[in-house]
């Protein structure tokens, strides 16, 4: 069970760090637009972020699968693992929906 737990927590930590950065990037997409060049830059940034999000989907799925395997094996702290999995999925979905508008 320890390798599965380590894999889950490592994947989760990496994914949460990526989501933090992506949310920050997403927040910067709504800056002031003063010119056509600003619009072009924001569109390019939004498209880049949307592509990054699409590439990260597999990592979210991998962490979820590993978390489910951990839940099958663990008899303690199930709610903590479930809560972490739900939080990552909710944040990732919200991020995906925020960037979908720009595509």
Protein backbone atom coordinates (compact mmCIF):
# COMPACT_ATOMS: atom_id res chain seq x y z
CA UNK A 1 0.00 0.00 0.00
CA UNK A 2 2.91 2.38 0.66
CA UNK A 3 3.93 2.66 -3.04
CA UNK A 4 0.33 3.48 -3.99
CA UNK A 5 0.09 6.04 -1.19
CA UNK A 6 3.39 7.62 -2.20
CA UNK A 7 2.34 7.68 -5.85
CA UNK A 8 -1.00 9.29 -4.97
CA UNK A 9 0.49 11.96 -2.73
CA UNK A 10 3.32 12.77 -5.14
CA UNK A 11 0.88 13.03 -8.07
CA UNK A 12 -1.55 15.07 -6.00
CA UNK A 13 1.14 17.49 -4.81
CA UNK A 14 2.41 18.04 -8.35
CA UNK A 15 -1.10 18.48 -9.70
CA UNK A 16 -2.14 20.95 -6.99
CA UNK A 17 1.01 23.01 -7.65
CA UNK A 18 0.20 23.05 -11.38
CA UNK A 19 -3.44 24.02 -10.70
CA UNK A 20 -2.28 26.89 -8.44
CA UNK A 21 -0.10 28.24 -11.26
CA UNK A 22 -2.80 27.72 -13.89
CA UNK A 23 -5.40 29.52 -11.77
CA UNK A 24 -2.97 32.41 -11.43
CA UNK A 25 -2.44 32.46 -15.21
CA UNK A 26 -6.19 32.35 -15.74
CA UNK A 27 -6.67 35.30 -13.40
CA UNK A 28 -4.23 37.36 -15.44
CA UNK A 29 -6.25 36.78 -18.63
CA UNK A 30 -8.84 39.35 -17.62
CA UNK A 31 -6.49 42.35 -17.59
CA UNK A 32 -7.19 45.67 -19.24
CA UNK A 33 -7.26 45.69 -23.02
CA UNK A 34 -5.91 48.86 -24.59
CA UNK A 35 -5.14 47.77 -28.14
CA UNK A 36 -5.60 45.08 -30.77
CA UNK A 37 -2.19 43.77 -29.78
CA UNK A 38 -3.43 43.34 -26.17
CA UNK A 39 -6.41 41.35 -27.46
CA UNK A 40 -4.13 39.16 -29.57
CA UNK A 41 -1.80 38.58 -26.62
CA UNK A 42 -4.67 37.65 -24.31
CA UNK A 43 -6.10 35.28 -26.91
CA UNK A 44 -2.71 33.62 -27.37
CA UNK A 45 -2.29 33.31 -23.60
CA UNK A 46 -5.78 31.86 -23.23
CA UNK A 47 -5.20 29.34 -26.02
CA UNK A 48 -1.88 28.34 -24.48
CA UNK A 49 -3.51 27.84 -21.08
CA UNK A 50 -6.38 25.85 -22.63
CA UNK A 51 -3.83 23.56 -24.33
CA UNK A 52 -1.96 23.12 -21.05
CA UNK A 53 -5.21 22.20 -19.31
CA UNK A 54 -6.03 19.65 -21.98
CA UNK A 55 -2.58 18.08 -21.56
CA UNK A 56 -3.04 17.91 -17.77
CA UNK A 57 -6.32 15.97 -18.03
CA UNK A 58 -4.40 12.67 -18.09
CA UNK A 59 -2.57 13.61 -14.88
CA UNK A 60 -5.90 14.35 -13.18
CA UNK A 61 -7.22 10.98 -14.34
CA UNK A 62 -4.05 9.20 -13.15
CA UNK A 63 -4.25 10.78 -9.69
CA UNK A 64 -7.95 9.87 -9.49
CA UNK A 65 -7.29 6.24 -10.46
CA UNK A 66 -4.44 5.98 -7.95
CA UNK A 67 -6.63 7.59 -5.27
CA UNK A 68 -9.39 5.06 -5.96
CA UNK A 69 -6.92 2.19 -5.63
CA UNK A 70 -5.69 3.70 -2.37
CA UNK A 71 -9.27 3.93 -1.10
CA UNK A 72 -9.79 0.25 -1.90
CA UNK A 73 -6.75 -0.71 0.18
CA UNK A 74 -6.93 1.78 3.04
CA UNK A 75 -9.10 1.47 6.09
CA UNK A 76 -8.13 4.84 7.58
CA UNK A 77 -8.33 8.45 6.37
CA UNK A 78 -10.72 7.60 3.54
CA UNK A 79 -12.49 10.92 3.86
CA UNK A 80 -9.21 12.83 3.58
CA UNK A 81 -8.27 11.08 0.34
CA UNK A 82 -11.79 11.50 -1.05
CA UNK A 83 -11.79 15.18 -0.12
CA UNK A 84 -8.43 15.76 -1.81
CA UNK A 85 -9.58 13.96 -4.97
CA UNK A 86 -12.83 15.94 -5.08
CA UNK A 87 -11.04 19.24 -4.50
CA UNK A 88 -8.58 18.64 -7.36
CA UNK A 89 -11.35 17.53 -9.72
CA UNK A 90 -13.52 20.55 -8.84
CA UNK A 91 -10.66 23.02 -9.27
CA UNK A 92 -9.57 21.43 -12.54
CA UNK A 93 -13.14 21.45 -13.89
CA UNK A 94 -13.61 25.10 -12.91
CA UNK A 95 -10.34 25.98 -14.60
CA UNK A 96 -11.36 24.09 -17.73
CA UNK A 97 -14.69 25.90 -17.83
CA UNK A 98 -13.07 29.30 -17.35
CA UNK A 99 -10.71 28.78 -20.29
CA UNK A 100 -13.31 27.13 -22.52
CA UNK A 101 -14.90 30.57 -22.99
CA UNK A 102 -11.74 31.75 -24.76
CA UNK A 103 -11.54 28.91 -27.29
